[in-house]
Amino acid sequence: MIRRVLLVDDDQAVREALRQTLDLAEFEAVTAGSFIEAKDHIRAGFAGVVLSDIRMPGRDGFHLLDYARAQDADLPVILLTGEGDIPMAVRAMSQGAFDFLEKPCSPGDLLRVLERALRTRTLVLENRALKQQLEAGDPADRLIFGQSDLAEGLRANVRAAARAGTEALVTGAPGTGVSKVAEVIHLSSARAKGPFEKRAASGLSRDSLSALWEASEGGTVFLNEIGALPVDAQLALIDLIESGGAVLVGGSTEDLAEAAEAGRFSADLFYRLEVCRIHIPSLSERPEDIPVLFRQYVAQAAEQSGIAAPDVTPEHLAALMAQDWPGNARSLMSAAMRFVLGMPEDLSRARDLGLAEQMAQVERSLLAAALGRHNGKAAEAAKALKLPRKTFYDKLAKYGLRPEDFRR
């Protein structure tokens, strides 16, 4: 996590005392004695937060706050003053300050606010980097995560399938992300700007299959669990492949070779798909990728819930790597969501809890999620949950939740 703090105060003695406090807490302090000195550090993407005095000669802290928000609306600015009062605090928060502290403030209070601001800033910058990766570059690099040789091999096979432009078969155990890999093949191919239509193969009729193929002109048709496609539709699909217009990618978690040998699946269709086969390795085959995937899923879950991503300790990652994960990436995603919401870390722990304890976990998670979605505004969160304000605050106190911890 980033640890940089831009410290702005015109009083050299105060500035030096604050710098020492930050140094002792292992923050990287960048100091400035005025807005003019500080402004060159304040820019979009600044990897840190700003801690500024309000009362300064010339351009004061409110001017600095306005300038910072103009450069980067998500840059946390914490304002300090020795002459604080309620109207000033209200003004600071209404203008977008992350928090407001009155000098002299205790080191503990200051460091708690800074830690919270830096967690928020880290999440914002990580999400921006992820979005930038998603919007540019190689789709296989952007969307298939992992650092193992198996993960790199999967990305290479996806690129090869995309270049080939032929029918393809994507296989893997349940939860490995068969449909996602199929879509990455499409996005990496010359057909990327064309449609990507995905359907469950089970129950598809000849007519619906023909309509789907027509809608996919110039793009890709993905049929999940293609082994479940009705026999007459399998024959129709072979004709559609020969007619051109779209490319087929099939997905399967079963052994299609065995199904074809047993006569449950068209051998002709199987051999067309088998020309280009991409197998997704299970998490049990590449445990070294679990930390990378889990951190990614935690960031995504936190963004979806509007909650600052909690720190993931090495001990927690080691425990995750020690598990088998039969549900693969899908199970790891669920674990990440539970982790972000403060729910039990695994199913065995959940089973050990009584009904009342499990209900309490769910209630706490709903309260936290509501605060996150409403940027720590308790009144709005209470209204969204249809709770009287007093009841809402009583519940927050019960679970040790503080609205200010959810402000971004």
Protein backbone atom coordinates (compact mmCIF):
# COMPACT_ATOMS: atom_id res chain seq x y z
CA MET A 1 0.00 0.00 0.00
CA ILE A 2 1.22 3.54 -0.74
CA ARG A 3 2.53 5.50 2.27
CA ARG A 4 3.22 8.98 0.84
CA VAL A 5 1.82 12.09 2.54
CA LEU A 6 2.18 15.61 1.15
CA LEU A 7 2.43 17.74 4.32
CA VAL A 8 1.69 21.45 3.88
CA ASP A 9 2.10 23.91 6.78
CA ASP A 10 3.65 27.38 6.86
CA ASP A 11 4.87 26.97 10.46
CA GLN A 12 8.28 25.28 10.22
CA ALA A 13 8.23 23.99 13.81
CA VAL A 14 4.79 22.45 13.38
CA ARG A 15 5.76 21.04 9.99
CA GLU A 16 8.88 19.43 11.43
CA ALA A 17 6.96 17.94 14.39
CA LEU A 18 4.35 16.46 12.04
CA ARG A 19 7.06 15.15 9.73
CA GLN A 20 8.72 13.34 12.64
CA THR A 21 5.38 11.80 13.61
CA LEU A 22 4.92 10.58 10.06
CA ASP A 23 8.47 9.24 9.85
CA LEU A 24 8.06 7.27 13.07
CA ALA A 25 4.89 5.72 11.66
CA GLU A 26 6.81 4.76 8.48
CA PHE A 27 5.06 7.23 6.21
CA GLU A 28 6.96 8.94 3.39
CA ALA A 29 6.57 12.65 4.15
CA VAL A 30 6.89 15.23 1.36
CA THR A 31 6.88 18.68 2.97
CA ALA A 32 5.91 22.12 1.69
CA GLY A 33 5.58 25.48 3.44
CA SER A 34 2.92 26.99 1.17
CA PHE A 35 0.43 26.29 -1.59
CA ILE A 36 3.00 27.48 -4.17
CA GLU A 37 5.52 24.88 -2.96
CA ALA A 38 2.88 22.16 -2.78
CA LYS A 39 1.09 22.68 -6.09
CA ASP A 40 3.74 20.99 -8.23
CA HIS A 41 3.21 17.76 -6.28
CA ILE A 42 -0.57 17.85 -6.63
CA ARG A 43 -1.53 16.18 -9.86
CA ALA A 44 -3.80 13.48 -11.20
CA GLY A 45 -2.50 10.12 -10.09
CA PHE A 46 -0.47 11.44 -7.12
CA ALA A 47 0.44 8.27 -5.22
CA GLY A 48 -0.42 9.56 -1.78
CA VAL A 49 -2.68 11.89 0.19
CA VAL A 50 -2.52 15.55 1.23
CA LEU A 51 -2.40 16.83 4.82
CA SER A 52 -2.65 20.63 4.90
CA ASP A 53 -3.05 23.45 7.37
CA ILE A 54 -5.95 25.80 6.60
CA ARG A 55 -4.54 29.09 7.92
CA MET A 56 -1.59 29.97 5.68
CA PRO A 57 -0.42 33.29 4.20
CA GLY A 58 -1.59 33.85 0.63
CA ARG A 59 -3.43 30.81 -0.71
CA ASP A 60 -4.97 28.97 2.25
CA GLY A 61 -5.96 25.35 2.75
CA PHE A 62 -9.38 25.82 1.18
CA HIS A 63 -7.72 27.10 -2.01
CA LEU A 64 -5.39 24.08 -1.92
CA LEU A 65 -8.41 21.79 -1.50
CA ASP A 66 -10.16 23.30 -4.51
CA TYR A 67 -6.99 23.03 -6.58
CA ALA A 68 -6.45 19.39 -5.58
CA ARG A 69 -10.01 18.42 -6.44
CA ALA A 70 -9.66 20.12 -9.82
CA GLN A 71 -6.56 18.04 -10.53
CA ASP A 72 -7.96 14.76 -9.19
CA ALA A 73 -11.41 14.60 -7.62
CA ASP A 74 -10.48 11.37 -5.82
CA LEU A 75 -7.32 12.70 -4.14
CA PRO A 76 -7.91 12.67 -0.34
CA VAL A 77 -7.18 16.02 1.31
CA ILE A 78 -7.18 16.23 5.12
CA LEU A 79 -7.37 19.74 6.56
CA LEU A 80 -5.82 20.90 9.85
CA THR A 81 -6.47 24.08 11.78
CA GLY A 82 -5.71 25.53 15.18
CA GLU A 83 -8.83 27.64 15.06
CA GLY A 84 -11.40 25.06 14.16
CA ASP A 85 -15.08 25.48 14.71
CA ILE A 86 -18.21 23.74 13.47
CA PRO A 87 -18.89 26.09 10.51
CA MET A 88 -15.31 25.65 9.31
CA ALA A 89 -15.55 21.86 9.61
CA VAL A 90 -18.84 21.88 7.70
CA ARG A 91 -17.29 24.02 4.98
CA ALA A 92 -14.27 21.72 4.71
CA MET A 93 -16.39 18.59 4.35
CA SER A 94 -18.89 20.22 1.98
CA GLN A 95 -16.02 21.26 -0.31
CA GLY A 96 -14.84 17.68 -0.49
CA ALA A 97 -12.22 17.34 2.23
CA PHE A 98 -11.59 13.73 3.21
CA ASP A 99 -11.52 14.71 6.89
CA PHE A 100 -10.99 17.69 9.20
CA LEU A 101 -8.79 17.72 12.31
CA GLU A 102 -8.22 20.44 14.90
CA LYS A 103 -4.68 21.16 16.12
CA PRO A 104 -3.24 19.97 18.33
CA CYS A 105 -4.53 16.50 17.48
CA SER A 106 -3.15 13.35 19.01
CA PRO A 107 -0.77 11.27 16.88
CA GLY A 108 -3.17 8.35 17.19
CA ASP A 109 -6.11 10.28 15.73
CA LEU A 110 -3.96 11.71 12.95
CA LEU A 111 -2.46 8.36 11.97
CA ARG A 112 -5.85 6.62 11.95
CA VAL A 113 -7.22 9.19 9.51
CA LEU A 114 -4.11 8.95 7.33
CA GLU A 115 -4.25 5.14 7.24
CA ARG A 116 -7.89 5.29 6.16
CA ALA A 117 -7.18 7.92 3.51
CA LEU A 118 -4.23 5.95 2.13
CA ARG A 119 -6.28 2.75 1.92
CA THR A 120 -8.88 4.64 -0.04
CA ARG A 121 -6.25 6.18 -2.31
CA THR A 122 -4.58 2.81 -2.93
CA LEU A 123 -7.89 1.28 -3.99
CA VAL A 124 -8.67 4.19 -6.32
CA LEU A 125 -5.30 3.99 -8.04
CA GLU A 126 -5.44 0.20 -8.33
CA ASN A 127 -8.90 0.37 -9.89
CA ARG A 128 -7.74 3.05 -12.33
CA ALA A 129 -4.78 0.91 -13.35
CA LEU A 130 -7.06 -2.07 -13.84
CA LYS A 131 -9.49 -0.05 -15.93
CA GLN A 132 -6.63 1.22 -18.06
CA GLN A 133 -5.43 -2.32 -18.60
CA LEU A 134 -8.92 -3.40 -19.57
CA GLU A 135 -9.22 -0.60 -22.12
CA ALA A 136 -5.93 -1.14 -23.91
CA GLY A 137 -3.42 -3.79 -24.79
CA ASP A 138 -3.51 -7.54 -25.15
CA PRO A 139 -6.86 -9.00 -23.99
CA ALA A 140 -5.15 -12.19 -22.83
CA ASP A 141 -2.79 -10.20 -20.59
CA ARG A 142 -5.59 -7.96 -19.35
CA LEU A 143 -8.21 -10.58 -18.59
CA ILE A 144 -6.45 -13.85 -17.80
CA PHE A 145 -4.69 -13.49 -14.46
CA GLY A 146 -1.80 -15.44 -13.02
CA GLN A 147 1.99 -15.56 -13.07
CA SER A 148 2.60 -19.31 -13.25
CA ASP A 149 3.92 -21.14 -16.29
CA LEU A 150 0.46 -22.70 -16.68
CA ALA A 151 -1.19 -19.28 -16.72
CA GLU A 152 1.29 -18.02 -19.30
CA GLY A 153 0.71 -21.15 -21.36
CA LEU A 154 -3.04 -20.56 -21.24
CA ARG A 155 -2.58 -17.00 -22.50
CA ALA A 156 -0.33 -18.26 -25.31
CA ASN A 157 -2.91 -20.86 -26.35
CA VAL A 158 -5.66 -18.24 -26.35
CA ARG A 159 -3.61 -15.98 -28.61
CA ALA A 160 -2.87 -18.90 -30.94
CA ALA A 161 -6.56 -19.81 -31.16
CA ALA A 162 -7.45 -16.19 -31.90
CA ARG A 163 -4.86 -16.01 -34.69
CA ALA A 164 -6.05 -19.30 -36.21
CA GLY A 165 -9.61 -17.98 -36.54
CA THR A 166 -11.00 -21.53 -36.64
CA GLU A 167 -13.54 -23.35 -34.52
CA ALA A 168 -12.23 -23.98 -31.02
CA LEU A 169 -13.01 -26.01 -27.92
CA VAL A 170 -12.43 -24.57 -24.43
CA THR A 171 -12.35 -27.16 -21.64
CA GLY A 172 -11.82 -27.02 -17.91
CA ALA A 173 -13.20 -28.13 -14.57
CA PRO A 174 -16.35 -26.40 -13.25
CA GLY A 175 -15.62 -22.85 -12.10
CA THR A 176 -12.42 -22.37 -14.11
CA GLY A 177 -13.97 -19.70 -16.33
CA VAL A 178 -14.68 -21.46 -19.62
CA SER A 179 -17.00 -18.72 -20.93
CA LYS A 180 -14.53 -15.99 -19.96
CA VAL A 181 -11.68 -17.63 -21.86
CA ALA A 182 -13.96 -18.08 -24.88
CA GLU A 183 -14.70 -14.35 -24.82
CA VAL A 184 -10.98 -13.52 -24.58
CA ILE A 185 -10.40 -15.62 -27.70
CA HIS A 186 -13.05 -13.51 -29.45
CA LEU A 187 -11.58 -10.22 -28.19
CA SER A 188 -8.09 -11.27 -29.32
CA SER A 189 -9.24 -12.24 -32.81
CA ALA A 190 -9.84 -10.35 -36.05
CA ARG A 191 -13.56 -10.62 -35.20
CA ALA A 192 -13.21 -8.60 -31.98
CA LYS A 193 -15.46 -5.78 -33.24
CA GLY A 194 -18.14 -8.25 -34.29
CA PRO A 195 -20.81 -9.72 -31.97
CA PHE A 196 -20.04 -12.28 -29.29
CA GLU A 197 -23.15 -14.35 -28.66
CA LYS A 198 -23.09 -16.92 -25.87
CA ARG A 199 -25.78 -19.44 -25.06
CA ALA A 200 -26.24 -22.59 -23.02
CA ALA A 201 -26.29 -25.44 -25.55
CA SER A 202 -28.86 -27.51 -23.68
CA GLY A 203 -32.28 -27.33 -25.31
CA LEU A 204 -31.29 -25.24 -28.34
CA SER A 205 -33.44 -26.11 -31.35
CA ARG A 206 -32.47 -25.99 -35.01
CA ASP A 207 -34.45 -22.78 -35.49
CA SER A 208 -33.04 -21.00 -32.46
CA LEU A 209 -29.54 -22.07 -33.43
CA SER A 210 -30.01 -20.70 -36.97
CA ALA A 211 -31.30 -17.39 -35.59
CA LEU A 212 -28.32 -17.20 -33.22
CA TRP A 213 -25.89 -17.86 -36.05
CA GLU A 214 -27.46 -15.14 -38.17
CA ALA A 215 -27.26 -12.65 -35.28
CA SER A 216 -23.55 -13.45 -34.92
CA GLU A 217 -22.57 -12.54 -38.49
CA GLY A 218 -18.92 -11.42 -38.50
CA GLY A 219 -18.39 -12.51 -34.90
CA THR A 220 -18.31 -15.50 -32.59
CA VAL A 221 -20.92 -17.97 -31.31
CA PHE A 222 -20.07 -19.52 -27.93
CA LEU A 223 -22.07 -22.56 -26.85
CA ASN A 224 -21.49 -23.50 -23.23
CA GLU A 225 -21.59 -27.20 -22.33
CA ILE A 226 -21.82 -27.98 -26.02
CA GLY A 227 -22.03 -31.69 -25.22
CA ALA A 228 -25.63 -31.08 -24.10
CA LEU A 229 -26.69 -29.78 -27.54
CA PRO A 230 -29.58 -31.91 -28.90
CA VAL A 231 -28.55 -34.37 -31.62
CA ASP A 232 -30.59 -32.73 -34.40
CA ALA A 233 -29.15 -29.33 -33.46
CA GLN A 234 -25.63 -30.81 -33.63
CA LEU A 235 -26.26 -31.78 -37.26
CA ALA A 236 -27.67 -28.32 -38.02
CA LEU A 237 -24.63 -26.74 -36.39
CA ILE A 238 -22.27 -28.60 -38.73
CA ASP A 239 -24.17 -27.14 -41.70
CA LEU A 240 -23.97 -23.65 -40.19
CA ILE A 241 -20.21 -23.94 -39.68
CA GLU A 242 -19.79 -24.90 -43.32
CA SER A 243 -21.90 -21.93 -44.41
CA GLY A 244 -19.45 -19.51 -42.74
CA GLY A 245 -20.40 -16.06 -41.50
CA ALA A 246 -19.45 -16.73 -37.86
CA VAL A 247 -16.97 -18.84 -35.91
CA LEU A 248 -17.94 -21.37 -33.26
CA VAL A 249 -16.27 -21.73 -29.87
CA GLY A 250 -17.58 -24.60 -27.77
CA GLY A 251 -17.19 -24.91 -24.03
CA SER A 252 -17.25 -28.10 -22.01
CA THR A 253 -16.51 -29.38 -18.52
CA GLU A 254 -17.00 -33.00 -19.61
CA ASP A 255 -14.79 -35.26 -21.74
CA LEU A 256 -16.19 -34.72 -25.25
CA ALA A 257 -13.88 -37.36 -26.75
CA GLU A 258 -15.53 -39.94 -24.53
CA ALA A 259 -18.98 -38.59 -25.40
CA ALA A 260 -18.18 -38.79 -29.12
CA GLU A 261 -16.86 -42.34 -28.75
CA ALA A 262 -20.02 -43.35 -26.88
CA GLY A 263 -22.19 -41.81 -29.60
CA ARG A 264 -23.65 -39.08 -27.36
CA PHE A 265 -21.94 -36.35 -29.34
CA SER A 266 -21.34 -35.97 -33.07
CA ALA A 267 -17.86 -37.22 -33.93
CA ASP A 268 -17.80 -34.88 -36.96
CA LEU A 269 -18.54 -31.84 -34.76
CA PHE A 270 -16.04 -32.98 -32.14
CA TYR A 271 -13.19 -33.25 -34.64
CA ARG A 272 -13.96 -29.79 -36.01
CA LEU A 273 -13.69 -28.35 -32.50
CA GLU A 274 -10.70 -30.48 -31.51
CA VAL A 275 -8.57 -28.77 -34.19
CA CYS A 276 -8.00 -25.94 -31.70
CA ARG A 277 -8.39 -26.97 -28.07
CA ILE A 278 -7.64 -24.76 -25.07
CA HIS A 279 -7.61 -26.37 -21.63
CA ILE A 280 -7.89 -24.21 -18.51
CA PRO A 281 -5.79 -25.55 -15.61
CA SER A 282 -7.48 -25.89 -12.22
CA LEU A 283 -6.32 -23.84 -9.23
CA SER A 284 -5.00 -27.03 -7.63
CA GLU A 285 -2.55 -27.26 -10.54
CA ARG A 286 -1.28 -23.70 -10.07
CA PRO A 287 -1.59 -22.67 -6.39
CA GLU A 288 1.04 -19.95 -6.92
CA ASP A 289 -1.61 -18.00 -8.88
CA ILE A 290 -4.09 -17.95 -5.98
CA PRO A 291 -2.65 -14.77 -4.33
CA VAL A 292 -2.77 -12.86 -7.64
CA LEU A 293 -6.34 -13.97 -8.36
CA PHE A 294 -7.56 -13.36 -4.81
CA ARG A 295 -6.21 -9.81 -4.68
CA GLN A 296 -7.83 -9.11 -8.03
CA TYR A 297 -11.19 -10.46 -6.89
CA VAL A 298 -10.99 -8.53 -3.60
CA ALA A 299 -10.44 -5.27 -5.51
CA GLN A 300 -13.40 -6.04 -7.79
CA ALA A 301 -15.67 -7.02 -4.88
CA ALA A 302 -14.73 -3.88 -2.93
CA GLU A 303 -15.49 -1.67 -5.93
CA GLN A 304 -18.85 -3.36 -6.50
CA SER A 305 -19.78 -2.98 -2.83
CA GLY A 306 -18.45 0.56 -2.44
CA ILE A 307 -16.20 -0.56 0.41
CA ALA A 308 -12.49 0.11 0.86
CA ALA A 309 -10.61 -3.11 0.15
CA PRO A 310 -9.29 -4.68 3.37
CA ASP A 311 -5.63 -5.58 3.61
CA VAL A 312 -4.81 -9.16 2.63
CA THR A 313 -2.15 -10.55 4.95
CA PRO A 314 0.51 -13.08 3.91
CA GLU A 315 -0.97 -15.47 6.47
CA HIS A 316 -4.39 -15.25 4.83
CA LEU A 317 -2.90 -15.87 1.39
CA ALA A 318 -0.97 -18.87 2.71
CA ALA A 319 -4.19 -20.34 4.11
CA LEU A 320 -5.90 -19.84 0.75
CA MET A 321 -3.06 -21.57 -1.09
CA ALA A 322 -3.35 -24.55 1.25
CA GLN A 323 -6.94 -25.23 0.16
CA ASP A 324 -7.99 -27.43 -2.78
CA TRP A 325 -10.61 -25.06 -4.29
CA PRO A 326 -12.72 -27.66 -6.14
CA GLY A 327 -14.93 -24.77 -7.32
CA ASN A 328 -11.86 -23.06 -8.80
CA ALA A 329 -12.01 -19.34 -9.70
CA ARG A 330 -15.74 -19.13 -9.00
CA SER A 331 -15.23 -20.30 -5.40
CA LEU A 332 -12.27 -17.95 -4.96
CA MET A 333 -14.44 -15.04 -6.16
CA SER A 334 -17.08 -15.94 -3.55
CA ALA A 335 -14.40 -16.12 -0.86
CA ALA A 336 -13.15 -12.67 -1.90
CA MET A 337 -16.65 -11.21 -1.63
CA ARG A 338 -17.11 -12.73 1.84
CA PHE A 339 -13.70 -11.38 2.83
CA VAL A 340 -14.61 -7.84 1.73
CA LEU A 341 -17.97 -7.98 3.50
CA GLY A 342 -16.47 -9.32 6.72
CA MET A 343 -18.28 -12.66 6.45
CA PRO A 344 -16.83 -16.05 7.48
CA GLU A 345 -13.75 -16.92 5.47
CA ASP A 346 -14.84 -20.41 4.53
CA LEU A 347 -17.82 -22.74 4.57
CA SER A 348 -16.49 -24.89 7.38
CA ARG A 349 -16.28 -21.87 9.65
CA ALA A 350 -19.81 -20.87 8.67
CA ARG A 351 -21.08 -24.31 9.63
CA ASP A 352 -19.52 -23.94 13.06
CA LEU A 353 -21.61 -20.83 13.74
CA GLY A 354 -25.11 -20.98 15.18
CA LEU A 355 -28.06 -19.49 13.33
CA ALA A 356 -27.98 -16.28 15.38
CA GLU A 357 -24.26 -15.82 14.71
CA GLN A 358 -24.70 -16.42 10.98
CA MET A 359 -27.57 -13.93 10.86
CA ALA A 360 -25.40 -11.40 12.70
CA GLN A 361 -22.65 -11.85 10.08
CA VAL A 362 -25.15 -11.21 7.29
CA GLU A 363 -26.63 -8.16 9.06
CA ARG A 364 -23.18 -6.65 9.61
CA SER A 365 -22.32 -7.22 5.95
CA LEU A 366 -25.51 -5.49 4.78
CA LEU A 367 -24.84 -2.50 7.03
CA ALA A 368 -21.26 -2.21 5.78
CA ALA A 369 -22.31 -2.52 2.15
CA ALA A 370 -24.96 0.21 2.58
CA LEU A 371 -22.43 2.57 4.16
CA GLY A 372 -20.00 1.85 1.35
CA ARG A 373 -22.56 2.52 -1.39
CA HIS A 374 -23.53 5.82 0.23
CA ASN A 375 -19.97 7.03 0.89
CA GLY A 376 -20.31 6.78 4.66
CA LYS A 377 -23.45 8.93 4.80
CA ALA A 378 -25.33 7.25 7.61
CA ALA A 379 -28.67 8.98 7.00
CA GLU A 380 -28.75 7.85 3.37
CA ALA A 381 -27.65 4.33 4.25
CA ALA A 382 -30.35 4.07 6.92
CA LYS A 383 -32.95 5.27 4.44
CA ALA A 384 -31.81 2.73 1.84
CA LEU A 385 -32.17 -0.07 4.40
CA LYS A 386 -35.55 1.34 5.52
CA LEU A 387 -34.38 1.61 9.12
CA PRO A 388 -35.13 4.38 11.64
CA ARG A 389 -32.01 6.43 12.16
CA LYS A 390 -31.71 5.52 15.86
CA THR A 391 -32.07 1.82 15.08
CA PHE A 392 -29.44 2.14 12.38
CA TYR A 393 -26.95 3.83 14.71
CA ASP A 394 -27.64 1.25 17.43
CA LYS A 395 -26.78 -1.50 14.96
CA LEU A 396 -23.61 0.28 13.89
CA ALA A 397 -22.52 0.51 17.51
CA LYS A 398 -23.34 -3.18 18.02
CA TYR A 399 -21.02 -4.24 15.21
CA GLY A 400 -18.33 -1.61 15.72
CA LEU A 401 -18.96 0.09 12.37
CA ARG A 402 -18.10 3.78 11.95
CA PRO A 403 -19.58 5.75 9.02
CA GLU A 404 -16.36 7.78 8.63
CA ASP A 405 -14.44 4.62 7.77
CA PHE A 406 -16.52 4.29 4.60
CA ARG A 407 -15.97 7.81 3.26
CA ARG A 408 -13.99 8.02 0.04
